[in-house]
Amino acid sequence: MKPSADQLARLKAYYEAKVSSEVEINAVKKKVEDGKGVFVVLDARSRDAFLAGHVRGALSVPLEQAAAAAKLLPVERQYVTYCWGHT
């Protein structure tokens, strides 16, 4: 089934917004290493994993606490989240 012009326009708008809000991982890494990041790094791993080692300056926000944390974090800041999994 071929998408309609309206569907294509909505998809285009969605992906343009998505791409404009994403940050390339290498750019984030460089800014963190240089101490020049203008964003807050959120570590979504378990508290134990965070305590074992994390990106300097990162805040521990385990995934199960993300919804509650999102209500408390200032909306004017940019956030970069990282995590890891076994799957």
Protein backbone atom coordinates (compact mmCIF):
# COMPACT_ATOMS: atom_id res chain seq x y z
CA MET A 1 0.00 0.00 0.00
CA LYS A 2 1.41 3.35 -1.06
CA PRO A 3 1.33 6.08 1.63
CA SER A 4 -0.77 9.15 0.95
CA ALA A 5 0.75 12.61 0.51
CA ASP A 6 -0.54 13.51 3.98
CA GLN A 7 1.08 10.43 5.54
CA LEU A 8 4.37 11.21 3.81
CA ALA A 9 4.25 14.82 5.03
CA ARG A 10 3.63 13.67 8.61
CA LEU A 11 6.45 11.12 8.42
CA LYS A 12 8.81 13.74 7.01
CA ALA A 13 7.94 16.17 9.84
CA TYR A 14 8.37 13.44 12.44
CA TYR A 15 11.80 12.36 11.23
CA GLU A 16 13.02 15.93 10.77
CA ALA A 17 12.09 16.68 14.39
CA LYS A 18 13.65 13.42 15.56
CA VAL A 19 16.95 13.99 13.75
CA SER A 20 17.19 17.62 14.87
CA SER A 21 16.91 16.55 18.52
CA GLU A 22 19.45 13.71 18.33
CA VAL A 23 23.14 14.19 18.96
CA GLU A 24 25.85 12.10 17.33
CA ILE A 25 27.48 9.86 19.94
CA ASN A 26 31.02 10.86 18.91
CA ALA A 27 30.16 14.54 19.36
CA VAL A 28 28.85 13.79 22.85
CA LYS A 29 31.94 11.76 23.71
CA LYS A 30 34.27 14.54 22.56
CA LYS A 31 32.40 17.20 24.54
CA VAL A 32 32.40 15.02 27.67
CA GLU A 33 36.12 14.32 27.32
CA ASP A 34 36.86 18.03 26.80
CA GLY A 35 34.54 19.07 29.63
CA LYS A 36 32.62 21.29 27.20
CA GLY A 37 29.23 19.60 27.14
CA VAL A 38 26.27 21.94 27.52
CA PHE A 39 24.05 19.01 28.33
CA VAL A 40 23.41 16.76 31.29
CA VAL A 41 24.44 13.12 30.93
CA LEU A 42 21.96 10.65 32.43
CA ASP A 43 23.10 7.11 33.17
CA ALA A 44 20.07 4.80 32.84
CA ARG A 45 21.88 1.69 34.10
CA SER A 46 21.30 0.13 37.51
CA ARG A 47 22.65 1.95 40.56
CA ASP A 48 25.25 -0.82 41.05
CA ALA A 49 26.51 -0.43 37.48
CA PHE A 50 26.69 3.34 37.97
CA LEU A 51 28.69 2.95 41.19
CA ALA A 52 31.08 0.53 39.45
CA GLY A 53 31.98 3.25 36.94
CA HIS A 54 30.33 5.98 34.91
CA VAL A 55 30.92 8.99 32.69
CA ARG A 56 32.36 11.85 34.74
CA GLY A 57 29.56 14.19 35.82
CA ALA A 58 26.73 11.82 34.84
CA LEU A 59 23.62 11.57 36.98
CA SER A 60 22.30 8.16 37.92
CA VAL A 61 18.71 7.78 36.73
CA PRO A 62 17.94 4.06 36.48
CA LEU A 63 15.46 3.27 33.74
CA GLU A 64 12.67 2.43 36.18
CA GLN A 65 13.00 5.94 37.67
CA ALA A 66 13.10 7.79 34.35
CA ALA A 67 9.42 8.81 34.28
CA ALA A 68 9.60 10.33 37.76
CA ALA A 69 12.93 12.02 37.01
CA ALA A 70 11.58 13.55 33.79
CA LYS A 71 9.02 15.46 35.86
CA LEU A 72 11.81 16.96 38.01
CA LEU A 73 14.49 17.78 35.44
CA PRO A 74 14.53 21.34 34.06
CA VAL A 75 13.03 21.37 30.55
CA GLU A 76 15.42 24.05 29.28
CA ARG A 77 18.44 21.71 29.51
CA GLN A 78 19.51 19.17 26.90
CA TYR A 79 19.89 15.61 28.17
CA VAL A 80 21.93 12.73 26.80
CA THR A 81 21.04 9.30 28.13
CA TYR A 82 23.17 6.21 27.99
CA CYS A 83 22.63 2.66 29.09
CA TRP A 84 23.71 -0.86 28.30
CA GLY A 85 22.07 -4.24 28.26
CA HIS A 86 22.78 -7.87 27.73
CA THR A 87 20.43 -8.26 24.77
